[in-house]
Amino acid sequence: MPRKAARDVPAVSPYRYAMTQDKLLLVNPSDNRIANVLSKP
């Protein structure tokens, strides 16, 4: 996770992430499953 995002929202620091054109995917590193999908506002 980018340092600024982990600093601003500490709960996301253990997750990996992937970006698509309009979504941010939070990926659980223990099982490589998508934990959450965030859309651009």
PDB file of N, CA and C in Angstrom:
ATOM      1  N   MET A   1       0.857  -1.162   0.000  1.00  0.00           N
ATOM      2  CA  MET A   1       0.000   0.000   0.000  1.00  0.00           C
ATOM      3  C   MET A   1       0.905   1.227   0.000  1.00  0.00           C
ATOM      4  N   PRO A   2       0.563   2.255  -0.766  1.00  0.00           N
ATOM      5  CA  PRO A   2       1.366   3.482  -0.750  1.00  0.00           C
ATOM      6  C   PRO A   2       1.449   4.055   0.668  1.00  0.00           C
ATOM      7  N   ARG A   3       2.598   4.598   1.013  1.00  0.00           N
ATOM      8  CA  ARG A   3       2.813   5.104   2.371  1.00  0.00           C
ATOM      9  C   ARG A   3       1.783   6.147   2.789  1.00  0.00           C
ATOM     10  N   LYS A   4       1.448   7.067   1.897  1.00  0.00           N
ATOM     11  CA  LYS A   4       0.493   8.120   2.249  1.00  0.00           C
ATOM     12  C   LYS A   4      -0.874   7.520   2.573  1.00  0.00           C
ATOM     13  N   ALA A   5      -1.315   6.557   1.794  1.00  0.00           N
ATOM     14  CA  ALA A   5      -2.613   5.928   2.056  1.00  0.00           C
ATOM     15  C   ALA A   5      -2.585   5.178   3.386  1.00  0.00           C
ATOM     16  N   ALA A   6      -1.506   4.459   3.645  1.00  0.00           N
ATOM     17  CA  ALA A   6      -1.397   3.723   4.907  1.00  0.00           C
ATOM     18  C   ALA A   6      -1.323   4.675   6.096  1.00  0.00           C
ATOM     19  N   ARG A   7      -0.698   5.823   5.908  1.00  0.00           N
ATOM     20  CA  ARG A   7      -0.617   6.813   6.985  1.00  0.00           C
ATOM     21  C   ARG A   7      -1.981   7.461   7.211  1.00  0.00           C
ATOM     22  N   ASP A   8      -2.687   7.794   6.136  1.00  0.00           N
ATOM     23  CA  ASP A   8      -3.995   8.446   6.251  1.00  0.00           C
ATOM     24  C   ASP A   8      -5.092   7.488   6.733  1.00  0.00           C
ATOM     25  N   VAL A   9      -5.001   6.228   6.336  1.00  0.00           N
ATOM     26  CA  VAL A   9      -6.001   5.222   6.716  1.00  0.00           C
ATOM     27  C   VAL A   9      -5.239   3.975   7.178  1.00  0.00           C
ATOM     28  N   PRO A  10      -4.825   3.942   8.443  1.00  0.00           N
ATOM     29  CA  PRO A  10      -3.993   2.836   8.936  1.00  0.00           C
ATOM     30  C   PRO A  10      -4.603   1.445   8.758  1.00  0.00           C
ATOM     31  N   ALA A  11      -5.901   1.334   8.687  1.00  0.00           N
ATOM     32  CA  ALA A  11      -6.551   0.024   8.554  1.00  0.00           C
ATOM     33  C   ALA A  11      -6.203  -0.667   7.238  1.00  0.00           C
ATOM     34  N   VAL A  12      -5.767   0.063   6.223  1.00  0.00           N
ATOM     35  CA  VAL A  12      -5.462  -0.552   4.931  1.00  0.00           C
ATOM     36  C   VAL A  12      -4.014  -0.999   4.797  1.00  0.00           C
ATOM     37  N   SER A  13      -3.167  -0.669   5.760  1.00  0.00           N
ATOM     38  CA  SER A  13      -1.744  -0.971   5.622  1.00  0.00           C
ATOM     39  C   SER A  13      -1.415  -2.448   5.423  1.00  0.00           C
ATOM     40  N   PRO A  14      -2.147  -3.409   6.010  1.00  0.00           N
ATOM     41  CA  PRO A  14      -1.768  -4.813   5.768  1.00  0.00           C
ATOM     42  C   PRO A  14      -2.165  -5.333   4.387  1.00  0.00           C
ATOM     43  N   TYR A  15      -2.958  -4.592   3.653  1.00  0.00           N
ATOM     44  CA  TYR A  15      -3.462  -5.067   2.363  1.00  0.00           C
ATOM     45  C   TYR A  15      -2.531  -4.703   1.213  1.00  0.00           C
ATOM     46  N   ARG A  16      -2.599  -5.506   0.175  1.00  0.00           N
ATOM     47  CA  ARG A  16      -1.986  -5.162  -1.106  1.00  0.00           C
ATOM     48  C   ARG A  16      -3.068  -4.460  -1.913  1.00  0.00           C
ATOM     49  N   TYR A  17      -2.693  -3.915  -3.039  1.00  0.00           N
ATOM     50  CA  TYR A  17      -3.709  -3.236  -3.843  1.00  0.00           C
ATOM     51  C   TYR A  17      -3.424  -3.402  -5.317  1.00  0.00           C
ATOM     52  N   ALA A  18      -4.470  -3.192  -6.102  1.00  0.00           N
ATOM     53  CA  ALA A  18      -4.374  -3.183  -7.555  1.00  0.00           C
ATOM     54  C   ALA A  18      -5.316  -2.095  -8.041  1.00  0.00           C
ATOM     55  N   MET A  19      -4.932  -1.444  -9.128  1.00  0.00           N
ATOM     56  CA  MET A  19      -5.763  -0.381  -9.679  1.00  0.00           C
ATOM     57  C   MET A  19      -6.253  -0.785 -11.057  1.00  0.00           C
ATOM     58  N   THR A  20      -7.510  -0.460 -11.324  1.00  0.00           N
ATOM     59  CA  THR A  20      -8.071  -0.602 -12.658  1.00  0.00           C
ATOM     60  C   THR A  20      -8.340   0.813 -13.152  1.00  0.00           C
ATOM     61  N   GLN A  21      -9.034   0.962 -14.236  1.00  0.00           N
ATOM     62  CA  GLN A  21      -9.288   2.299 -14.772  1.00  0.00           C
ATOM     63  C   GLN A  21     -10.045   3.183 -13.799  1.00  0.00           C
ATOM     64  N   ASP A  22     -10.996   2.629 -13.085  1.00  0.00           N
ATOM     65  CA  ASP A  22     -11.819   3.471 -12.212  1.00  0.00           C
ATOM     66  C   ASP A  22     -12.033   2.882 -10.821  1.00  0.00           C
ATOM     67  N   LYS A  23     -11.276   1.833 -10.473  1.00  0.00           N
ATOM     68  CA  LYS A  23     -11.473   1.187  -9.175  1.00  0.00           C
ATOM     69  C   LYS A  23     -10.139   0.849  -8.524  1.00  0.00           C
ATOM     70  N   LEU A  24     -10.151   0.855  -7.201  1.00  0.00           N
ATOM     71  CA  LEU A  24      -9.015   0.417  -6.404  1.00  0.00           C
ATOM     72  C   LEU A  24      -9.434  -0.881  -5.727  1.00  0.00           C
ATOM     73  N   LEU A  25      -8.667  -1.929  -5.919  1.00  0.00           N
ATOM     74  CA  LEU A  25      -8.970  -3.227  -5.322  1.00  0.00           C
ATOM     75  C   LEU A  25      -8.035  -3.450  -4.144  1.00  0.00           C
ATOM     76  N   LEU A  26      -8.584  -3.711  -2.971  1.00  0.00           N
ATOM     77  CA  LEU A  26      -7.780  -4.074  -1.808  1.00  0.00           C
ATOM     78  C   LEU A  26      -7.718  -5.589  -1.767  1.00  0.00           C
ATOM     79  N   VAL A  27      -6.503  -6.119  -1.702  1.00  0.00           N
ATOM     80  CA  VAL A  27      -6.292  -7.557  -1.784  1.00  0.00           C
ATOM     81  C   VAL A  27      -5.710  -8.061  -0.470  1.00  0.00           C
ATOM     82  N   ASN A  28      -6.344  -9.088   0.076  1.00  0.00           N
ATOM     83  CA  ASN A  28      -5.865  -9.709   1.300  1.00  0.00           C
ATOM     84  C   ASN A  28      -4.607 -10.518   0.970  1.00  0.00           C
ATOM     85  N   PRO A  29      -3.461 -10.194   1.575  1.00  0.00           N
ATOM     86  CA  PRO A  29      -2.225 -10.891   1.213  1.00  0.00           C
ATOM     87  C   PRO A  29      -2.170 -12.343   1.677  1.00  0.00           C
ATOM     88  N   SER A  30      -2.985 -12.725   2.659  1.00  0.00           N
ATOM     89  CA  SER A  30      -2.912 -14.103   3.149  1.00  0.00           C
ATOM     90  C   SER A  30      -3.548 -15.108   2.190  1.00  0.00           C
ATOM     91  N   ASP A  31      -4.564 -14.682   1.435  1.00  0.00           N
ATOM     92  CA  ASP A  31      -5.204 -15.614   0.505  1.00  0.00           C
ATOM     93  C   ASP A  31      -5.362 -15.046  -0.908  1.00  0.00           C
ATOM     94  N   ASN A  32      -4.845 -13.838  -1.131  1.00  0.00           N
ATOM     95  CA  ASN A  32      -4.885 -13.171  -2.448  1.00  0.00           C
ATOM     96  C   ASN A  32      -6.307 -12.971  -2.974  1.00  0.00           C
ATOM     97  N   ARG A  33      -7.252 -12.832  -2.069  1.00  0.00           N
ATOM     98  CA  ARG A  33      -8.638 -12.541  -2.468  1.00  0.00           C
ATOM     99  C   ARG A  33      -8.911 -11.055  -2.336  1.00  0.00           C
ATOM    100  N   ILE A  34      -9.810 -10.570  -3.160  1.00  0.00           N
ATOM    101  CA  ILE A  34     -10.199  -9.158  -3.098  1.00  0.00           C
ATOM    102  C   ILE A  34     -11.008  -8.949  -1.832  1.00  0.00           C
ATOM    103  N   ALA A  35     -10.541  -8.025  -0.989  1.00  0.00           N
ATOM    104  CA  ALA A  35     -11.193  -7.741   0.275  1.00  0.00           C
ATOM    105  C   ALA A  35     -12.221  -6.615   0.120  1.00  0.00           C
ATOM    106  N   ASN A  36     -11.958  -5.683  -0.805  1.00  0.00           N
ATOM    107  CA  ASN A  36     -12.860  -4.557  -0.987  1.00  0.00           C
ATOM    108  C   ASN A  36     -12.593  -3.918  -2.341  1.00  0.00           C
ATOM    109  N   VAL A  37     -13.601  -3.287  -2.895  1.00  0.00           N
ATOM    110  CA  VAL A  37     -13.483  -2.564  -4.168  1.00  0.00           C
ATOM    111  C   VAL A  37     -13.937  -1.142  -3.899  1.00  0.00           C
ATOM    112  N   LEU A  38     -13.060  -0.204  -4.188  1.00  0.00           N
ATOM    113  CA  LEU A  38     -13.377   1.218  -3.999  1.00  0.00           C
ATOM    114  C   LEU A  38     -13.460   1.894  -5.357  1.00  0.00           C
ATOM    115  N   SER A  39     -14.541   2.638  -5.573  1.00  0.00           N
ATOM    116  CA  SER A  39     -14.729   3.362  -6.833  1.00  0.00           C
ATOM    117  C   SER A  39     -14.375   4.829  -6.646  1.00  0.00           C
ATOM    118  N   LYS A  40     -14.013   5.448  -7.740  1.00  0.00           N
ATOM    119  CA  LYS A  40     -13.756   6.887  -7.697  1.00  0.00           C
ATOM    120  C   LYS A  40     -15.064   7.607  -7.394  1.00  0.00           C
ATOM    121  N   PRO A  41     -14.989   8.666  -6.597  1.00  0.00           N
ATOM    122  CA  PRO A  41     -16.230   9.423  -6.301  1.00  0.00           C
ATOM    123  C   PRO A  41     -16.750  10.152  -7.523  1.00  0.00           C
TER     124      PRO A  41
END
